[in-house]
Amino acid sequence: MKRSLLGLGFVVLFGLSAPSWAGKDDHVILKEALNNVVTVSQIAKLADETGVTLTGQITKHVKSDHYELKDKSGTIGVEIDDDIWQRAGLKVGDHVRVVGEVDTHRYKPTDVEVITVEKLAH
């Protein structure tokens, strides 16, 4: 009986705390990003999980789904999932508009986790 109650207690505890682990939903980030058009240099001043819209050029494939994006103010890492990359038909050198969230880290530079990307004619 004690084990059952203890197990139930863990389920309730972790179930209630799960939303705090999940962060913001994509639709919330997308809405926030519409009003938050920024440059690379401005991103360093923003809080983790802030929705942003950023325009620049993909200059380098770093590894896996990590790329570098450059605008007139600097360069930043962007994480673009393979399915998003392929669906947009992107290649290094393309000019893009990305919408995503600021992703701060303890031991590596801040980057942007991309939710949507639009290839721009240039």
N, C-alpha and C. Protein backbone atom coordinates (compact mmCIF):
# COMPACT_ATOMS: atom_id res chain seq x y z
N MET A 1 0.82 -1.19 0.00
CA MET A 1 0.00 0.00 0.00
C MET A 1 0.87 1.26 0.00
N LYS A 2 1.92 1.25 0.85
CA LYS A 2 2.80 2.41 0.90
C LYS A 2 3.49 2.63 -0.43
N ARG A 3 3.89 1.53 -1.10
CA ARG A 3 4.55 1.64 -2.40
C ARG A 3 3.60 2.23 -3.43
N SER A 4 2.36 1.81 -3.39
CA SER A 4 1.37 2.33 -4.34
C SER A 4 1.18 3.83 -4.15
N LEU A 5 1.07 4.24 -2.89
CA LEU A 5 0.89 5.66 -2.61
C LEU A 5 2.13 6.47 -2.99
N LEU A 6 3.30 5.89 -2.72
CA LEU A 6 4.54 6.55 -3.08
C LEU A 6 4.65 6.68 -4.60
N GLY A 7 4.32 5.60 -5.30
CA GLY A 7 4.34 5.64 -6.77
C GLY A 7 3.37 6.66 -7.32
N LEU A 8 2.17 6.69 -6.76
CA LEU A 8 1.17 7.66 -7.18
C LEU A 8 1.65 9.09 -6.91
N GLY A 9 2.32 9.28 -5.78
CA GLY A 9 2.86 10.60 -5.45
C GLY A 9 3.87 11.07 -6.48
N PHE A 10 4.76 10.16 -6.94
CA PHE A 10 5.73 10.51 -7.97
C PHE A 10 5.05 10.86 -9.29
N VAL A 11 4.05 10.09 -9.66
CA VAL A 11 3.32 10.35 -10.90
C VAL A 11 2.68 11.74 -10.86
N VAL A 12 2.03 12.05 -9.75
CA VAL A 12 1.39 13.36 -9.62
C VAL A 12 2.43 14.47 -9.62
N LEU A 13 3.52 14.30 -8.87
CA LEU A 13 4.57 15.31 -8.78
C LEU A 13 5.17 15.59 -10.15
N PHE A 14 5.57 14.55 -10.87
CA PHE A 14 6.19 14.75 -12.17
C PHE A 14 5.18 15.18 -13.22
N GLY A 15 3.96 14.75 -13.11
CA GLY A 15 2.91 15.17 -14.04
C GLY A 15 2.63 16.65 -13.92
N LEU A 16 2.63 17.17 -12.71
CA LEU A 16 2.36 18.59 -12.50
C LEU A 16 3.55 19.46 -12.89
N SER A 17 4.75 18.92 -12.79
CA SER A 17 5.92 19.73 -13.11
C SER A 17 6.31 19.63 -14.58
N ALA A 18 5.72 18.73 -15.35
CA ALA A 18 6.08 18.57 -16.76
C ALA A 18 5.91 19.84 -17.57
N PRO A 19 4.84 20.62 -17.40
CA PRO A 19 4.73 21.84 -18.20
C PRO A 19 5.89 22.81 -18.00
N SER A 20 6.51 22.83 -16.84
CA SER A 20 7.64 23.73 -16.64
C SER A 20 8.87 23.26 -17.40
N TRP A 21 8.95 21.97 -17.73
CA TRP A 21 10.07 21.45 -18.52
C TRP A 21 9.86 21.73 -19.99
N ALA A 22 8.62 21.78 -20.42
CA ALA A 22 8.31 21.82 -21.83
C ALA A 22 8.62 23.15 -22.50
N GLY A 23 8.64 24.23 -21.79
CA GLY A 23 8.87 25.52 -22.41
C GLY A 23 7.64 26.01 -23.14
N LYS A 24 7.84 26.98 -24.02
CA LYS A 24 6.73 27.57 -24.76
C LYS A 24 6.34 26.68 -25.94
N ASP A 25 5.05 26.69 -26.28
CA ASP A 25 4.58 26.01 -27.48
C ASP A 25 5.02 26.80 -28.70
N ASP A 26 5.16 26.10 -29.84
CA ASP A 26 5.58 26.76 -31.07
C ASP A 26 4.66 27.91 -31.46
N HIS A 27 3.35 27.74 -31.30
CA HIS A 27 2.44 28.82 -31.71
C HIS A 27 2.63 30.08 -30.87
N VAL A 28 3.02 29.92 -29.62
CA VAL A 28 3.30 31.08 -28.76
C VAL A 28 4.58 31.77 -29.24
N ILE A 29 5.58 30.98 -29.56
CA ILE A 29 6.86 31.53 -30.05
C ILE A 29 6.65 32.24 -31.38
N LEU A 30 5.87 31.63 -32.28
CA LEU A 30 5.60 32.24 -33.59
C LEU A 30 4.92 33.59 -33.43
N LYS A 31 3.94 33.67 -32.55
CA LYS A 31 3.22 34.92 -32.32
C LYS A 31 4.17 35.98 -31.75
N GLU A 32 4.99 35.58 -30.80
CA GLU A 32 5.95 36.51 -30.19
C GLU A 32 6.97 36.99 -31.23
N ALA A 33 7.41 36.08 -32.10
CA ALA A 33 8.43 36.41 -33.09
C ALA A 33 7.95 37.43 -34.12
N LEU A 34 6.65 37.45 -34.40
CA LEU A 34 6.11 38.43 -35.35
C LEU A 34 6.39 39.86 -34.91
N ASN A 35 6.42 40.08 -33.62
CA ASN A 35 6.65 41.41 -33.06
C ASN A 35 8.09 41.62 -32.62
N ASN A 36 8.96 40.66 -32.94
CA ASN A 36 10.32 40.70 -32.42
C ASN A 36 11.32 40.45 -33.56
N VAL A 37 11.35 41.35 -34.54
CA VAL A 37 12.29 41.25 -35.65
C VAL A 37 13.61 41.85 -35.17
N VAL A 38 14.67 41.02 -35.17
CA VAL A 38 15.93 41.42 -34.56
C VAL A 38 17.11 41.16 -35.49
N THR A 39 18.26 41.70 -35.09
CA THR A 39 19.52 41.40 -35.76
C THR A 39 20.30 40.42 -34.88
N VAL A 40 21.34 39.86 -35.46
CA VAL A 40 22.18 38.91 -34.71
C VAL A 40 22.71 39.55 -33.43
N SER A 41 23.19 40.78 -33.52
CA SER A 41 23.79 41.42 -32.33
C SER A 41 22.78 41.64 -31.21
N GLN A 42 21.51 41.79 -31.55
CA GLN A 42 20.48 42.00 -30.52
C GLN A 42 20.13 40.71 -29.78
N ILE A 43 20.37 39.57 -30.38
CA ILE A 43 19.98 38.29 -29.78
C ILE A 43 20.69 38.04 -28.46
N ALA A 44 21.93 38.45 -28.35
CA ALA A 44 22.70 38.22 -27.12
C ALA A 44 22.06 38.86 -25.90
N LYS A 45 21.24 39.88 -26.11
CA LYS A 45 20.61 40.60 -25.00
C LYS A 45 19.25 40.02 -24.62
N LEU A 46 18.77 39.04 -25.37
CA LEU A 46 17.43 38.50 -25.15
C LEU A 46 17.45 37.28 -24.24
N ALA A 47 16.33 37.06 -23.58
CA ALA A 47 16.20 35.92 -22.66
C ALA A 47 16.02 34.62 -23.44
N ASP A 48 16.36 33.52 -22.78
CA ASP A 48 16.14 32.19 -23.33
C ASP A 48 14.66 32.01 -23.68
N GLU A 49 14.40 31.34 -24.78
CA GLU A 49 13.05 31.03 -25.27
C GLU A 49 12.28 32.25 -25.78
N THR A 50 12.98 33.35 -26.07
CA THR A 50 12.32 34.51 -26.67
C THR A 50 12.11 34.22 -28.15
N GLY A 51 10.90 34.44 -28.64
CA GLY A 51 10.61 34.25 -30.05
C GLY A 51 11.20 35.39 -30.87
N VAL A 52 11.89 35.05 -31.98
CA VAL A 52 12.54 36.06 -32.81
C VAL A 52 12.35 35.76 -34.29
N THR A 53 12.39 36.82 -35.09
CA THR A 53 12.46 36.72 -36.54
C THR A 53 13.78 37.36 -36.94
N LEU A 54 14.53 36.66 -37.78
CA LEU A 54 15.89 37.07 -38.13
C LEU A 54 16.10 36.83 -39.62
N THR A 55 16.69 37.80 -40.31
CA THR A 55 16.96 37.67 -41.74
C THR A 55 18.47 37.73 -41.96
N GLY A 56 18.96 36.83 -42.82
CA GLY A 56 20.39 36.80 -43.11
C GLY A 56 20.72 35.75 -44.14
N GLN A 57 22.00 35.41 -44.21
CA GLN A 57 22.49 34.43 -45.17
C GLN A 57 23.08 33.23 -44.44
N ILE A 58 22.72 32.03 -44.88
CA ILE A 58 23.34 30.81 -44.35
C ILE A 58 24.75 30.76 -44.92
N THR A 59 25.76 30.85 -44.07
CA THR A 59 27.14 30.92 -44.55
C THR A 59 27.94 29.64 -44.37
N LYS A 60 27.45 28.75 -43.50
CA LYS A 60 28.26 27.57 -43.20
C LYS A 60 27.40 26.46 -42.62
N HIS A 61 27.70 25.21 -43.01
CA HIS A 61 27.12 24.04 -42.37
C HIS A 61 28.14 23.57 -41.34
N VAL A 62 27.81 23.67 -40.08
CA VAL A 62 28.74 23.34 -39.00
C VAL A 62 28.78 21.83 -38.78
N LYS A 63 27.62 21.23 -38.51
CA LYS A 63 27.48 19.79 -38.34
C LYS A 63 26.00 19.46 -38.20
N SER A 64 25.62 18.28 -38.58
CA SER A 64 24.26 17.80 -38.40
C SER A 64 23.25 18.86 -38.81
N ASP A 65 22.45 19.35 -37.86
CA ASP A 65 21.44 20.37 -38.18
C ASP A 65 21.84 21.76 -37.66
N HIS A 66 23.15 21.98 -37.55
CA HIS A 66 23.68 23.26 -37.07
C HIS A 66 24.35 24.03 -38.21
N TYR A 67 23.96 25.29 -38.35
CA TYR A 67 24.44 26.15 -39.43
C TYR A 67 24.82 27.50 -38.84
N GLU A 68 25.54 28.31 -39.64
CA GLU A 68 25.81 29.69 -39.26
C GLU A 68 24.99 30.60 -40.13
N LEU A 69 24.41 31.62 -39.51
CA LEU A 69 23.64 32.64 -40.23
C LEU A 69 24.31 33.98 -39.98
N LYS A 70 24.49 34.75 -41.06
CA LYS A 70 25.16 36.04 -40.96
C LYS A 70 24.23 37.14 -41.44
N ASP A 71 24.19 38.24 -40.68
CA ASP A 71 23.52 39.46 -41.14
C ASP A 71 24.52 40.60 -41.02
N LYS A 72 24.08 41.82 -41.25
CA LYS A 72 25.00 42.97 -41.23
C LYS A 72 25.64 43.22 -39.87
N SER A 73 25.06 42.65 -38.80
CA SER A 73 25.57 42.91 -37.45
C SER A 73 26.45 41.80 -36.88
N GLY A 74 26.48 40.64 -37.54
CA GLY A 74 27.29 39.55 -37.02
C GLY A 74 26.84 38.18 -37.48
N THR A 75 27.35 37.16 -36.81
CA THR A 75 27.08 35.76 -37.15
C THR A 75 26.58 35.03 -35.91
N ILE A 76 25.62 34.11 -36.12
CA ILE A 76 25.09 33.32 -35.01
C ILE A 76 24.81 31.90 -35.50
N GLY A 77 24.87 30.96 -34.59
CA GLY A 77 24.48 29.59 -34.91
C GLY A 77 22.97 29.45 -34.94
N VAL A 78 22.50 28.67 -35.90
CA VAL A 78 21.07 28.36 -35.98
C VAL A 78 20.93 26.85 -36.11
N GLU A 79 19.93 26.32 -35.43
CA GLU A 79 19.65 24.89 -35.49
C GLU A 79 18.39 24.70 -36.33
N ILE A 80 18.58 24.09 -37.51
CA ILE A 80 17.48 23.88 -38.44
C ILE A 80 17.32 22.37 -38.63
N ASP A 81 16.23 21.81 -38.15
CA ASP A 81 15.99 20.38 -38.30
C ASP A 81 16.03 19.99 -39.77
N ASP A 82 16.51 18.78 -40.04
CA ASP A 82 16.64 18.30 -41.42
C ASP A 82 15.35 18.39 -42.21
N ASP A 83 14.22 18.06 -41.59
CA ASP A 83 12.95 18.10 -42.33
C ASP A 83 12.58 19.53 -42.73
N ILE A 84 12.88 20.49 -41.89
CA ILE A 84 12.63 21.90 -42.21
C ILE A 84 13.58 22.35 -43.33
N TRP A 85 14.85 21.98 -43.22
CA TRP A 85 15.87 22.33 -44.21
C TRP A 85 15.48 21.78 -45.59
N GLN A 86 15.14 20.51 -45.64
CA GLN A 86 14.80 19.87 -46.92
C GLN A 86 13.51 20.42 -47.51
N ARG A 87 12.51 20.62 -46.68
CA ARG A 87 11.22 21.14 -47.16
C ARG A 87 11.39 22.52 -47.79
N ALA A 88 12.30 23.34 -47.25
CA ALA A 88 12.53 24.69 -47.79
C ALA A 88 13.48 24.68 -48.98
N GLY A 89 14.12 23.54 -49.25
CA GLY A 89 15.05 23.44 -50.37
C GLY A 89 16.27 24.34 -50.20
N LEU A 90 16.82 24.37 -49.00
CA LEU A 90 17.92 25.28 -48.69
C LEU A 90 19.28 24.72 -49.05
N LYS A 91 20.23 25.63 -49.24
CA LYS A 91 21.64 25.27 -49.38
C LYS A 91 22.47 26.40 -48.77
N VAL A 92 23.70 26.10 -48.43
CA VAL A 92 24.59 27.12 -47.90
C VAL A 92 24.72 28.23 -48.94
N GLY A 93 24.63 29.47 -48.49
CA GLY A 93 24.68 30.62 -49.38
C GLY A 93 23.33 31.28 -49.58
N ASP A 94 22.25 30.55 -49.24
CA ASP A 94 20.91 31.10 -49.40
C ASP A 94 20.63 32.22 -48.40
N HIS A 95 19.85 33.19 -48.85
CA HIS A 95 19.34 34.25 -47.98
C HIS A 95 17.99 33.78 -47.44
N VAL A 96 17.80 33.91 -46.13
CA VAL A 96 16.62 33.34 -45.49
C VAL A 96 16.04 34.28 -44.44
N ARG A 97 14.79 34.02 -44.11
CA ARG A 97 14.14 34.63 -42.94
C ARG A 97 13.79 33.46 -42.03
N VAL A 98 14.34 33.46 -40.84
CA VAL A 98 14.06 32.38 -39.89
C VAL A 98 13.21 32.92 -38.74
N VAL A 99 12.35 32.06 -38.26
CA VAL A 99 11.55 32.34 -37.08
C VAL A 99 11.85 31.22 -36.10
N GLY A 100 12.20 31.59 -34.89
CA GLY A 100 12.55 30.58 -33.91
C GLY A 100 12.65 31.17 -32.52
N GLU A 101 13.36 30.44 -31.67
CA GLU A 101 13.51 30.90 -30.30
C GLU A 101 14.97 30.97 -29.92
N VAL A 102 15.29 31.98 -29.13
CA VAL A 102 16.64 32.14 -28.59
C VAL A 102 16.91 30.96 -27.67
N ASP A 103 18.08 30.37 -27.82
CA ASP A 103 18.46 29.21 -27.01
C ASP A 103 19.80 29.53 -26.34
N THR A 104 19.73 29.90 -25.05
CA THR A 104 20.95 30.20 -24.31
C THR A 104 21.48 28.92 -23.68
N HIS A 105 22.79 28.88 -23.51
CA HIS A 105 23.45 27.70 -22.95
C HIS A 105 24.45 28.15 -21.89
N ARG A 106 24.76 27.25 -21.02
CA ARG A 106 25.72 27.57 -19.96
C ARG A 106 27.15 27.59 -20.49
N TYR A 107 27.51 26.62 -21.34
CA TYR A 107 28.91 26.49 -21.74
C TYR A 107 29.17 26.65 -23.23
N LYS A 108 28.19 27.11 -23.98
CA LYS A 108 28.42 27.37 -25.40
C LYS A 108 27.62 28.60 -25.80
N PRO A 109 27.95 29.18 -26.95
CA PRO A 109 27.29 30.43 -27.35
C PRO A 109 25.79 30.29 -27.57
N THR A 110 25.08 31.38 -27.38
CA THR A 110 23.65 31.45 -27.65
C THR A 110 23.42 31.19 -29.13
N ASP A 111 22.34 30.47 -29.44
CA ASP A 111 21.97 30.23 -30.83
C ASP A 111 20.46 30.36 -30.96
N VAL A 112 19.95 30.07 -32.16
CA VAL A 112 18.52 30.16 -32.42
C VAL A 112 18.03 28.80 -32.90
N GLU A 113 17.03 28.27 -32.23
CA GLU A 113 16.38 27.04 -32.65
C GLU A 113 15.25 27.43 -33.60
N VAL A 114 15.37 27.03 -34.86
CA VAL A 114 14.47 27.47 -35.91
C VAL A 114 13.19 26.64 -35.93
N ILE A 115 12.05 27.33 -36.02
CA ILE A 115 10.75 26.68 -36.14
C ILE A 115 10.29 26.70 -37.59
N THR A 116 10.47 27.85 -38.25
CA THR A 116 10.15 27.97 -39.67
C THR A 116 11.25 28.76 -40.36
N VAL A 117 11.42 28.48 -41.65
CA VAL A 117 12.41 29.20 -42.44
C VAL A 117 11.82 29.47 -43.81
N GLU A 118 12.11 30.65 -44.33
CA GLU A 118 11.64 31.04 -45.66
C GLU A 118 12.85 31.43 -46.48
N LYS A 119 13.01 30.79 -47.63
CA LYS A 119 14.10 31.12 -48.55
C LYS A 119 13.71 32.41 -49.28
N LEU A 120 14.62 33.39 -49.29
CA LEU A 120 14.35 34.68 -49.91
C LEU A 120 15.04 34.78 -51.26
N ALA A 121 14.40 35.44 -52.20
CA ALA A 121 15.03 35.70 -53.50
C ALA A 121 16.08 36.77 -53.30
N HIS A 122 17.25 36.55 -53.87
CA HIS A 122 18.30 37.55 -53.70
C HIS A 122 19.16 37.62 -54.92
